[in-house]
Structures are given as C-alpha cells and as structure tokens.
Amino acid sequence: DFGDGETRRVAGGCSAGSIGVQLWAPALIADFDFSDGILMDSYVGIMPPAADVFWNLINVCEVGEQQLMWTREAVEACREGFYVPSFTTALLRDNSEVPAMYVGTNNDIIQRGFYVATAGDLLDTEKQVFVEAAKYINVNLPPLLQGVMANHSAASPAFQSVVVQGEEHCLVS
C-alpha cells in the first residue's frame, strides 16, 4: 500500500516466500485484493515424488482447504499428490486477469538442493537415493523449468517469465 490515491498491491516472495505466494494467492487475491500482480522469485516448487512426505507433514491440503481458499479441485488434486507447479498453473488459469511473473535462473542452486533434500527422509533414507536425485536434477532442472514456464504461459495471457543463465537464487531485492 503506497499511500493516498490509487493503490496497487503486488504479492511477491523469494525462495520459500515464492512458494508462499503461490499457495496463498487465492486468499490474497480474494481477501486482500492483491489483483495487481503476483511475483514469484527463484522458486517454482519442482520436487521429487517423495516430497509428499514433506507436504503431508505440514498438512498442506487441509490448510489450503480451511485457510487459503483453495478450490475444491485444488484440494482434491492436492490429496492425490501435491505438486506446486501444477497448482500454480491451475491458479493462473483460474485468475487469468491477474498479472503474474516468475524471475529466476535456469540452474538455481537452491532449487536443486531442495529437490535433493526432499528426495527422502534425511534420517532413514539410503544415501544413494540423494545421490541419484542430485544426478537427476543437476541435468534436468533447465528443461523442467522450461516446461513449467510453458505451462504457466499457456494457462494465462497475463503470465510472463524471465529466466536467465546462472545458479543464483533470489534475484529481486
């Protein structure tokens, strides 16, 4: 909120804040009129299937249903296996009038690290699971990220992305 006169509100976040903006966007748009834009900086939530353990631990589906104003379809999809990029693509499609932007690097070191960290239970999983996850994401993050951006762009004409070469994390300060 920038004072008197016409007010513009943009919801944005970097890293975990980017995930927060994506998950909170339905409530932010409906309750707080953050309809002037959504900015996702450096994290789209590409995670391995084993990350469902993480999402279940924090009860993301229940919180989405009870507090974050997720649609019935979003909650049902969440219960089948939560994947942030798919959730965000649906959000963009359902709110195609809201400008949204992703900024990040094509080989973000933090996205790769979090992918590996969520590949299994850190206390119970064999090391090889994490090694294989690292091998996979180190090769595949750029094309996976390209696919997510293409899906987001197809979902909303108001979506734009800027993905630059590099490993940096959190570009907008």
C-alpha atoms as a PDB file:
ATOM      1  CA  ASP A   1       0.000   0.000   0.000  1.00  0.00           C
ATOM      2  CA  PHE A   2       1.697   3.222  -1.129  1.00  0.00           C
ATOM      3  CA  GLY A   3      -0.425   5.952   0.414  1.00  0.00           C
ATOM      4  CA  ASP A   4      -3.245   8.145  -0.866  1.00  0.00           C
ATOM      5  CA  GLY A   5      -4.802   7.838  -4.286  1.00  0.00           C
ATOM      6  CA  GLU A   6      -4.962   4.749  -6.409  1.00  0.00           C
ATOM      7  CA  THR A   7      -3.312   1.838  -4.656  1.00  0.00           C
ATOM      8  CA  ARG A   8      -1.551  -1.041  -6.310  1.00  0.00           C
ATOM      9  CA  ARG A   9      -0.768  -4.202  -4.422  1.00  0.00           C
ATOM     10  CA  VAL A  10       1.563  -6.898  -5.641  1.00  0.00           C
ATOM     11  CA  ALA A  11       2.153 -10.109  -3.709  1.00  0.00           C
ATOM     12  CA  GLY A  12       5.697 -11.352  -4.053  1.00  0.00           C
ATOM     13  CA  GLY A  13       8.219 -13.584  -2.451  1.00  0.00           C
ATOM     14  CA  CYS A  14      11.606 -15.137  -2.947  1.00  0.00           C
ATOM     15  CA  SER A  15      12.556 -18.768  -2.334  1.00  0.00           C
ATOM     16  CA  ALA A  16      10.192 -20.161   0.320  1.00  0.00           C
ATOM     17  CA  GLY A  17       8.361 -16.841   0.018  1.00  0.00           C
ATOM     18  CA  SER A  18       7.754 -17.629  -3.645  1.00  0.00           C
ATOM     19  CA  ILE A  19       6.097 -20.902  -2.640  1.00  0.00           C
ATOM     20  CA  GLY A  20       4.121 -18.984  -0.016  1.00  0.00           C
ATOM     21  CA  VAL A  21       2.846 -16.502  -2.599  1.00  0.00           C
ATOM     22  CA  GLN A  22       1.774 -19.361  -4.862  1.00  0.00           C
ATOM     23  CA  LEU A  23      -0.029 -21.240  -2.065  1.00  0.00           C
ATOM     24  CA  TRP A  24      -1.586 -18.116  -0.519  1.00  0.00           C
ATOM     25  CA  ALA A  25      -2.531 -16.466  -3.838  1.00  0.00           C
ATOM     26  CA  PRO A  26      -6.227 -17.481  -3.812  1.00  0.00           C
ATOM     27  CA  ALA A  27      -6.714 -15.858  -0.395  1.00  0.00           C
ATOM     28  CA  LEU A  28      -4.504 -12.867  -1.230  1.00  0.00           C
ATOM     29  CA  ILE A  29      -6.487 -12.167  -4.390  1.00  0.00           C
ATOM     30  CA  ALA A  30      -9.928 -12.674  -2.805  1.00  0.00           C
ATOM     31  CA  ASP A  31      -9.467 -11.211   0.683  1.00  0.00           C
ATOM     32  CA  PHE A  32      -6.754  -8.615   0.257  1.00  0.00           C
ATOM     33  CA  ASP A  33      -7.216  -7.621  -3.406  1.00  0.00           C
ATOM     34  CA  PHE A  34      -3.671  -8.389  -4.489  1.00  0.00           C
ATOM     35  CA  SER A  35      -5.072  -8.433  -8.010  1.00  0.00           C
ATOM     36  CA  ASP A  36      -2.414  -6.082  -9.374  1.00  0.00           C
ATOM     37  CA  GLY A  37       0.122  -8.851  -9.571  1.00  0.00           C
ATOM     38  CA  ILE A  38       1.930 -11.871  -8.259  1.00  0.00           C
ATOM     39  CA  LEU A  39       5.737 -12.063  -8.340  1.00  0.00           C
ATOM     40  CA  MET A  40       7.429 -15.424  -7.917  1.00  0.00           C
ATOM     41  CA  ASP A  41      11.182 -15.080  -7.434  1.00  0.00           C
ATOM     42  CA  SER A  42      13.517 -18.028  -7.882  1.00  0.00           C
ATOM     43  CA  TYR A  43      11.423 -20.975  -6.792  1.00  0.00           C
ATOM     44  CA  VAL A  44       8.635 -22.839  -8.581  1.00  0.00           C
ATOM     45  CA  GLY A  45       8.491 -25.910  -6.351  1.00  0.00           C
ATOM     46  CA  ILE A  46       9.872 -28.656  -8.581  1.00  0.00           C
ATOM     47  CA  MET A  47      10.200 -31.543  -6.123  1.00  0.00           C
ATOM     48  CA  PRO A  48      10.510 -35.320  -6.350  1.00  0.00           C
ATOM     49  CA  PRO A  49       7.518 -37.600  -5.670  1.00  0.00           C
ATOM     50  CA  ALA A  50       8.912 -38.363  -2.191  1.00  0.00           C
ATOM     51  CA  ALA A  51       8.281 -34.716  -1.265  1.00  0.00           C
ATOM     52  CA  ASP A  52       4.686 -35.701  -0.497  1.00  0.00           C
ATOM     53  CA  VAL A  53       6.039 -36.716   2.925  1.00  0.00           C
ATOM     54  CA  PHE A  54       7.012 -33.066   3.464  1.00  0.00           C
ATOM     55  CA  TRP A  55       3.657 -31.712   2.264  1.00  0.00           C
ATOM     56  CA  ASN A  56       1.759 -34.220   4.417  1.00  0.00           C
ATOM     57  CA  LEU A  57       3.871 -33.303   7.439  1.00  0.00           C
ATOM     58  CA  ILE A  58       2.740 -29.676   7.220  1.00  0.00           C
ATOM     59  CA  ASN A  59      -0.852 -30.643   6.294  1.00  0.00           C
ATOM     60  CA  VAL A  60      -0.759 -28.514   3.156  1.00  0.00           C
ATOM     61  CA  CYS A  61      -4.042 -29.885   1.739  1.00  0.00           C
ATOM     62  CA  GLU A  62      -6.010 -29.217   4.932  1.00  0.00           C
ATOM     63  CA  VAL A  63      -4.504 -25.763   5.386  1.00  0.00           C
ATOM     64  CA  GLY A  64      -5.266 -24.967   1.737  1.00  0.00           C
ATOM     65  CA  GLU A  65      -8.862 -26.054   2.172  1.00  0.00           C
ATOM     66  CA  GLN A  66      -9.527 -24.449   5.553  1.00  0.00           C
ATOM     67  CA  GLN A  67      -7.471 -21.261   5.453  1.00  0.00           C
ATOM     68  CA  LEU A  68      -6.125 -20.468   1.992  1.00  0.00           C
ATOM     69  CA  MET A  69      -9.377 -20.521  -0.008  1.00  0.00           C
ATOM     70  CA  TRP A  70      -8.259 -23.250  -2.408  1.00  0.00           C
ATOM     71  CA  THR A  71     -10.867 -24.504  -4.835  1.00  0.00           C
ATOM     72  CA  ARG A  72     -12.393 -27.938  -4.325  1.00  0.00           C
ATOM     73  CA  GLU A  73     -10.478 -29.125  -7.392  1.00  0.00           C
ATOM     74  CA  ALA A  74      -7.183 -27.867  -5.942  1.00  0.00           C
ATOM     75  CA  VAL A  75      -7.794 -29.646  -2.637  1.00  0.00           C
ATOM     76  CA  GLU A  76      -8.715 -32.897  -4.405  1.00  0.00           C
ATOM     77  CA  ALA A  77      -5.623 -32.686  -6.624  1.00  0.00           C
ATOM     78  CA  CYS A  78      -3.520 -31.976  -3.539  1.00  0.00           C
ATOM     79  CA  ARG A  79      -4.759 -35.120  -1.831  1.00  0.00           C
ATOM     80  CA  GLU A  80      -3.748 -37.173  -4.883  1.00  0.00           C
ATOM     81  CA  GLY A  81      -0.187 -35.854  -4.651  1.00  0.00           C
ATOM     82  CA  PHE A  82       0.780 -32.205  -4.297  1.00  0.00           C
ATOM     83  CA  TYR A  83       2.946 -30.605  -6.983  1.00  0.00           C
ATOM     84  CA  VAL A  84       3.353 -26.838  -6.712  1.00  0.00           C
ATOM     85  CA  PRO A  85       3.821 -26.142 -10.461  1.00  0.00           C
ATOM     86  CA  SER A  86       0.523 -27.880 -11.321  1.00  0.00           C
ATOM     87  CA  PHE A  87      -1.246 -25.985  -8.526  1.00  0.00           C
ATOM     88  CA  THR A  88       0.139 -22.686  -9.814  1.00  0.00           C
ATOM     89  CA  THR A  89      -0.782 -23.445 -13.428  1.00  0.00           C
ATOM     90  CA  ALA A  90      -4.396 -24.017 -12.312  1.00  0.00           C
ATOM     91  CA  LEU A  91      -4.280 -20.835 -10.212  1.00  0.00           C
ATOM     92  CA  LEU A  92      -3.076 -18.823 -13.206  1.00  0.00           C
ATOM     93  CA  ARG A  93      -5.787 -20.328 -15.418  1.00  0.00           C
ATOM     94  CA  ASP A  94      -8.487 -19.509 -12.836  1.00  0.00           C
ATOM     95  CA  ASN A  95      -7.180 -15.944 -12.358  1.00  0.00           C
ATOM     96  CA  SER A  96      -6.022 -15.175 -15.882  1.00  0.00           C
ATOM     97  CA  GLU A  97      -6.730 -11.454 -15.450  1.00  0.00           C
ATOM     98  CA  VAL A  98      -4.138 -11.147 -12.645  1.00  0.00           C
ATOM     99  CA  PRO A  99      -0.660 -10.258 -13.912  1.00  0.00           C
ATOM    100  CA  ALA A 100       1.916 -12.777 -12.740  1.00  0.00           C
ATOM    101  CA  MET A 101       5.640 -13.081 -13.263  1.00  0.00           C
ATOM    102  CA  TYR A 102       8.388 -15.544 -12.489  1.00  0.00           C
ATOM    103  CA  VAL A 103      12.023 -14.452 -12.346  1.00  0.00           C
ATOM    104  CA  GLY A 104      14.899 -16.818 -11.769  1.00  0.00           C
ATOM    105  CA  THR A 105      17.920 -18.608 -13.127  1.00  0.00           C
ATOM    106  CA  ASN A 106      17.872 -21.725 -15.255  1.00  0.00           C
ATOM    107  CA  ASN A 107      20.119 -23.734 -12.930  1.00  0.00           C
ATOM    108  CA  ASP A 108      19.224 -22.333  -9.494  1.00  0.00           C
ATOM    109  CA  ILE A 109      21.428 -23.941  -6.843  1.00  0.00           C
ATOM    110  CA  ILE A 110      18.784 -23.688  -4.093  1.00  0.00           C
ATOM    111  CA  GLN A 111      16.045 -25.300  -6.209  1.00  0.00           C
ATOM    112  CA  ARG A 112      18.437 -28.144  -6.988  1.00  0.00           C
ATOM    113  CA  GLY A 113      19.435 -28.518  -3.337  1.00  0.00           C
ATOM    114  CA  PHE A 114      15.871 -28.560  -2.051  1.00  0.00           C
ATOM    115  CA  TYR A 115      14.943 -31.163  -4.673  1.00  0.00           C
ATOM    116  CA  VAL A 116      17.703 -33.407  -3.315  1.00  0.00           C
ATOM    117  CA  ALA A 117      16.803 -32.700   0.330  1.00  0.00           C
ATOM    118  CA  THR A 118      13.179 -33.743  -0.246  1.00  0.00           C
ATOM    119  CA  ALA A 119      14.076 -36.939  -2.132  1.00  0.00           C
ATOM    120  CA  GLY A 120      13.739 -38.961   1.060  1.00  0.00           C
ATOM    121  CA  ASP A 121      13.705 -38.919   4.845  1.00  0.00           C
ATOM    122  CA  LEU A 122      17.057 -37.450   5.864  1.00  0.00           C
ATOM    123  CA  LEU A 123      17.346 -39.844   8.816  1.00  0.00           C
ATOM    124  CA  ASP A 124      16.111 -43.077   7.241  1.00  0.00           C
ATOM    125  CA  THR A 125      16.913 -42.992   3.534  1.00  0.00           C
ATOM    126  CA  GLU A 126      19.945 -44.604   1.940  1.00  0.00           C
ATOM    127  CA  LYS A 127      22.498 -42.063   0.716  1.00  0.00           C
ATOM    128  CA  GLN A 128      22.204 -43.412  -2.815  1.00  0.00           C
ATOM    129  CA  VAL A 129      18.658 -42.007  -3.076  1.00  0.00           C
ATOM    130  CA  PHE A 130      20.026 -38.496  -2.565  1.00  0.00           C
ATOM    131  CA  VAL A 131      22.929 -39.108  -4.957  1.00  0.00           C
ATOM    132  CA  GLU A 132      20.504 -40.235  -7.680  1.00  0.00           C
ATOM    133  CA  ALA A 133      18.248 -37.238  -7.005  1.00  0.00           C
ATOM    134  CA  ALA A 134      21.250 -34.908  -7.352  1.00  0.00           C
ATOM    135  CA  LYS A 135      22.288 -36.534 -10.628  1.00  0.00           C
ATOM    136  CA  TYR A 136      18.744 -36.213 -11.962  1.00  0.00           C
ATOM    137  CA  ILE A 137      18.036 -32.596 -11.015  1.00  0.00           C
ATOM    138  CA  ASN A 138      21.506 -31.332 -11.961  1.00  0.00           C
ATOM    139  CA  VAL A 139      20.821 -32.448 -15.540  1.00  0.00           C
ATOM    140  CA  ASN A 140      17.077 -31.875 -15.723  1.00  0.00           C
ATOM    141  CA  LEU A 141      16.295 -28.617 -13.913  1.00  0.00           C
ATOM    142  CA  PRO A 142      16.634 -26.381 -17.003  1.00  0.00           C
ATOM    143  CA  PRO A 143      14.213 -28.396 -19.188  1.00  0.00           C
ATOM    144  CA  LEU A 144      11.835 -28.968 -16.245  1.00  0.00           C
ATOM    145  CA  LEU A 145      11.788 -25.236 -15.541  1.00  0.00           C
ATOM    146  CA  GLN A 146      11.185 -24.533 -19.245  1.00  0.00           C
ATOM    147  CA  GLY A 147       8.198 -26.879 -19.151  1.00  0.00           C
ATOM    148  CA  VAL A 148       6.749 -25.194 -16.065  1.00  0.00           C
ATOM    149  CA  MET A 149       7.104 -21.765 -17.690  1.00  0.00           C
ATOM    150  CA  ALA A 150       5.425 -23.052 -20.875  1.00  0.00           C
ATOM    151  CA  ASN A 151       2.505 -24.466 -18.846  1.00  0.00           C
ATOM    152  CA  HIS A 152       2.117 -21.228 -16.886  1.00  0.00           C
ATOM    153  CA  SER A 153       2.221 -19.177 -20.112  1.00  0.00           C
ATOM    154  CA  ALA A 154      -0.393 -21.391 -21.753  1.00  0.00           C
ATOM    155  CA  ALA A 155      -2.638 -21.043 -18.681  1.00  0.00           C
ATOM    156  CA  SER A 156      -2.679 -17.249 -18.579  1.00  0.00           C
ATOM    157  CA  PRO A 157      -2.014 -14.497 -21.098  1.00  0.00           C
ATOM    158  CA  ALA A 158      -1.104 -12.288 -18.112  1.00  0.00           C
ATOM    159  CA  PHE A 159       1.851 -14.512 -17.125  1.00  0.00           C
ATOM    160  CA  GLN A 160       5.421 -13.580 -18.032  1.00  0.00           C
ATOM    161  CA  SER A 161       8.747 -15.060 -17.093  1.00  0.00           C
ATOM    162  CA  VAL A 162      12.366 -14.019 -17.111  1.00  0.00           C
ATOM    163  CA  VAL A 163      14.769 -16.933 -16.779  1.00  0.00           C
ATOM    164  CA  VAL A 164      18.452 -16.098 -17.116  1.00  0.00           C
ATOM    165  CA  GLN A 165      21.554 -18.279 -17.231  1.00  0.00           C
ATOM    166  CA  GLY A 166      23.152 -18.996 -13.878  1.00  0.00           C
ATOM    167  CA  GLU A 167      22.871 -20.606 -10.464  1.00  0.00           C
ATOM    168  CA  GLU A 168      21.865 -17.545  -8.432  1.00  0.00           C
ATOM    169  CA  HIS A 169      18.849 -17.565  -6.138  1.00  0.00           C
ATOM    170  CA  CYS A 170      16.605 -14.610  -5.249  1.00  0.00           C
ATOM    171  CA  LEU A 171      17.080 -12.031  -7.975  1.00  0.00           C
ATOM    172  CA  VAL A 172      14.618  -9.323  -6.894  1.00  0.00           C
ATOM    173  CA  SER A 173      15.579  -7.486  -3.737  1.00  0.00           C
END
